[in-house]
Amino acid sequence: MIDFSQLDRVIHEKGRLAIMTVLAARSPRAFQDLKSELGMSDGNLISHLRTLTKEGYVRELKTTAADSSRPCTSYEISGAGKSAFNAYLKVLEAIVKQSRPS
């Protein structure tokens, strides 16, 4: 029997799962790129990113755009975030494996 309490509640929320999936595939990503790719509003995206940052799964990077002096904010998955995401995927894989008929 799968212990569903093993699912990381921080990652399990749909918006945060989407962010973690994108950042796990390619990191860092600019805020505007994440917003465009995920189809989230500014407020929704920043709220989820704050939760992930507070948990230590994501890091915020502040830079200045090369072609101008305007600030650019990017996000990358942290080592703890990679570990948590991989553990989350293992639980999902166990759920799928158990639910398939033998």
C-alpha atoms as a PDB file:
ATOM      1  CA  MET A   1       0.000   0.000   0.000  1.00  0.00           C
ATOM      2  CA  ILE A   2       1.300   3.434  -0.924  1.00  0.00           C
ATOM      3  CA  ASP A   3       1.702   5.946   1.867  1.00  0.00           C
ATOM      4  CA  PHE A   4       0.221   9.062   0.270  1.00  0.00           C
ATOM      5  CA  SER A   5       1.529  11.159   3.140  1.00  0.00           C
ATOM      6  CA  GLN A   6       4.934  10.784   1.448  1.00  0.00           C
ATOM      7  CA  LEU A   7       3.796  13.189  -1.299  1.00  0.00           C
ATOM      8  CA  ASP A   8       5.446  16.548  -0.683  1.00  0.00           C
ATOM      9  CA  ARG A   9       2.542  18.952  -0.105  1.00  0.00           C
ATOM     10  CA  VAL A  10       4.601  21.931  -1.209  1.00  0.00           C
ATOM     11  CA  ILE A  11       5.343  20.407  -4.622  1.00  0.00           C
ATOM     12  CA  HIS A  12       2.010  18.602  -5.013  1.00  0.00           C
ATOM     13  CA  GLU A  13       0.008  21.778  -5.686  1.00  0.00           C
ATOM     14  CA  LYS A  14      -0.561  22.056  -9.457  1.00  0.00           C
ATOM     15  CA  GLY A  15       1.109  25.438  -9.989  1.00  0.00           C
ATOM     16  CA  ARG A  16       4.176  24.596  -7.914  1.00  0.00           C
ATOM     17  CA  LEU A  17       4.479  21.189  -9.586  1.00  0.00           C
ATOM     18  CA  ALA A  18       4.512  22.954 -12.966  1.00  0.00           C
ATOM     19  CA  ILE A  19       7.205  25.383 -11.807  1.00  0.00           C
ATOM     20  CA  MET A  20       9.362  22.608 -10.358  1.00  0.00           C
ATOM     21  CA  THR A  21       8.991  20.535 -13.520  1.00  0.00           C
ATOM     22  CA  VAL A  22      10.119  23.426 -15.734  1.00  0.00           C
ATOM     23  CA  LEU A  23      13.020  24.366 -13.460  1.00  0.00           C
ATOM     24  CA  ALA A  24      14.142  20.746 -13.088  1.00  0.00           C
ATOM     25  CA  ALA A  25      14.370  20.477 -16.874  1.00  0.00           C
ATOM     26  CA  ARG A  26      16.262  23.733 -17.402  1.00  0.00           C
ATOM     27  CA  SER A  27      17.353  26.188 -14.788  1.00  0.00           C
ATOM     28  CA  PRO A  28      17.647  29.157 -14.315  1.00  0.00           C
ATOM     29  CA  ARG A  29      14.585  30.649 -15.983  1.00  0.00           C
ATOM     30  CA  ALA A  30      13.618  34.314 -16.143  1.00  0.00           C
ATOM     31  CA  PHE A  31      10.383  35.258 -14.399  1.00  0.00           C
ATOM     32  CA  GLN A  32       8.827  36.415 -17.674  1.00  0.00           C
ATOM     33  CA  ASP A  33       9.756  33.133 -19.396  1.00  0.00           C
ATOM     34  CA  LEU A  34       8.168  31.114 -16.581  1.00  0.00           C
ATOM     35  CA  LYS A  35       5.073  33.295 -16.718  1.00  0.00           C
ATOM     36  CA  SER A  36       4.733  32.845 -20.475  1.00  0.00           C
ATOM     37  CA  GLU A  37       5.455  29.110 -20.508  1.00  0.00           C
ATOM     38  CA  LEU A  38       3.127  28.296 -17.623  1.00  0.00           C
ATOM     39  CA  GLY A  39       0.350  30.748 -18.510  1.00  0.00           C
ATOM     40  CA  MET A  40       0.202  32.146 -14.983  1.00  0.00           C
ATOM     41  CA  SER A  41      -0.577  35.665 -13.858  1.00  0.00           C
ATOM     42  CA  ASP A  42       2.168  37.701 -12.183  1.00  0.00           C
ATOM     43  CA  GLY A  43       0.495  37.378  -8.791  1.00  0.00           C
ATOM     44  CA  ASN A  44      -0.121  33.640  -9.034  1.00  0.00           C
ATOM     45  CA  LEU A  45       3.407  32.883 -10.218  1.00  0.00           C
ATOM     46  CA  ILE A  46       5.131  35.063  -7.622  1.00  0.00           C
ATOM     47  CA  SER A  47       2.997  33.555  -4.854  1.00  0.00           C
ATOM     48  CA  HIS A  48       4.064  30.019  -5.809  1.00  0.00           C
ATOM     49  CA  LEU A  49       7.691  31.073  -6.274  1.00  0.00           C
ATOM     50  CA  ARG A  50       7.713  32.638  -2.802  1.00  0.00           C
ATOM     51  CA  THR A  51       6.431  29.392  -1.303  1.00  0.00           C
ATOM     52  CA  LEU A  52       9.076  27.360  -3.136  1.00  0.00           C
ATOM     53  CA  THR A  53      11.801  29.854  -2.180  1.00  0.00           C
ATOM     54  CA  LYS A  54      10.742  29.859   1.473  1.00  0.00           C
ATOM     55  CA  GLU A  55      10.892  26.048   1.474  1.00  0.00           C
ATOM     56  CA  GLY A  56      14.419  26.218   0.002  1.00  0.00           C
ATOM     57  CA  TYR A  57      13.472  24.442  -3.228  1.00  0.00           C
ATOM     58  CA  VAL A  58      14.078  27.446  -5.502  1.00  0.00           C
ATOM     59  CA  ARG A  59      16.570  30.324  -5.484  1.00  0.00           C
ATOM     60  CA  GLU A  60      15.878  33.825  -6.759  1.00  0.00           C
ATOM     61  CA  LEU A  61      18.629  35.431  -8.867  1.00  0.00           C
ATOM     62  CA  LYS A  62      18.703  39.199  -9.411  1.00  0.00           C
ATOM     63  CA  THR A  63      20.749  40.484 -12.350  1.00  0.00           C
ATOM     64  CA  THR A  64      20.799  43.384 -14.765  1.00  0.00           C
ATOM     65  CA  ALA A  65      19.806  42.744 -18.363  1.00  0.00           C
ATOM     66  CA  ALA A  66      22.840  42.841 -20.673  1.00  0.00           C
ATOM     67  CA  ASP A  67      21.128  45.082 -23.234  1.00  0.00           C
ATOM     68  CA  SER A  68      19.832  47.629 -20.714  1.00  0.00           C
ATOM     69  CA  SER A  69      20.106  48.673 -17.114  1.00  0.00           C
ATOM     70  CA  ARG A  70      16.770  47.188 -16.088  1.00  0.00           C
ATOM     71  CA  PRO A  71      16.719  44.490 -13.423  1.00  0.00           C
ATOM     72  CA  CYS A  72      16.013  40.887 -14.388  1.00  0.00           C
ATOM     73  CA  THR A  73      14.807  38.242 -11.929  1.00  0.00           C
ATOM     74  CA  SER A  74      15.420  34.577 -12.630  1.00  0.00           C
ATOM     75  CA  TYR A  75      14.768  31.444 -10.643  1.00  0.00           C
ATOM     76  CA  GLU A  76      16.667  28.182 -10.379  1.00  0.00           C
ATOM     77  CA  ILE A  77      16.039  24.918  -8.625  1.00  0.00           C
ATOM     78  CA  SER A  78      18.268  24.362  -5.587  1.00  0.00           C
ATOM     79  CA  GLY A  79      19.999  21.158  -4.537  1.00  0.00           C
ATOM     80  CA  ALA A  80      17.309  20.630  -1.913  1.00  0.00           C
ATOM     81  CA  GLY A  81      14.682  21.291  -4.580  1.00  0.00           C
ATOM     82  CA  LYS A  82      16.200  18.672  -6.903  1.00  0.00           C
ATOM     83  CA  SER A  83      16.251  16.124  -4.091  1.00  0.00           C
ATOM     84  CA  ALA A  84      12.666  16.885  -3.078  1.00  0.00           C
ATOM     85  CA  PHE A  85      11.464  16.769  -6.680  1.00  0.00           C
ATOM     86  CA  ASN A  86      13.194  13.428  -7.321  1.00  0.00           C
ATOM     87  CA  ALA A  87      11.692  11.987  -4.132  1.00  0.00           C
ATOM     88  CA  TYR A  88       8.269  13.265  -5.209  1.00  0.00           C
ATOM     89  CA  LEU A  89       8.664  11.589  -8.618  1.00  0.00           C
ATOM     90  CA  LYS A  90       9.623   8.283  -6.951  1.00  0.00           C
ATOM     91  CA  VAL A  91       6.407   8.331  -4.919  1.00  0.00           C
ATOM     92  CA  LEU A  92       4.386   9.039  -8.076  1.00  0.00           C
ATOM     93  CA  GLU A  93       6.161   6.215  -9.901  1.00  0.00           C
ATOM     94  CA  ALA A  94       5.306   3.821  -7.045  1.00  0.00           C
ATOM     95  CA  ILE A  95       1.661   4.908  -7.216  1.00  0.00           C
ATOM     96  CA  VAL A  96       1.527   4.300 -10.972  1.00  0.00           C
ATOM     97  CA  LYS A  97       3.303   0.953 -10.650  1.00  0.00           C
ATOM     98  CA  GLN A  98       0.931  -0.241  -7.944  1.00  0.00           C
ATOM     99  CA  SER A  99      -2.189   0.881  -9.805  1.00  0.00           C
ATOM    100  CA  ARG A 100      -1.348  -1.047 -12.996  1.00  0.00           C
ATOM    101  CA  PRO A 101      -2.732  -4.561 -13.224  1.00  0.00           C
ATOM    102  CA  SER A 102      -0.152  -7.345 -13.036  1.00  0.00           C
END
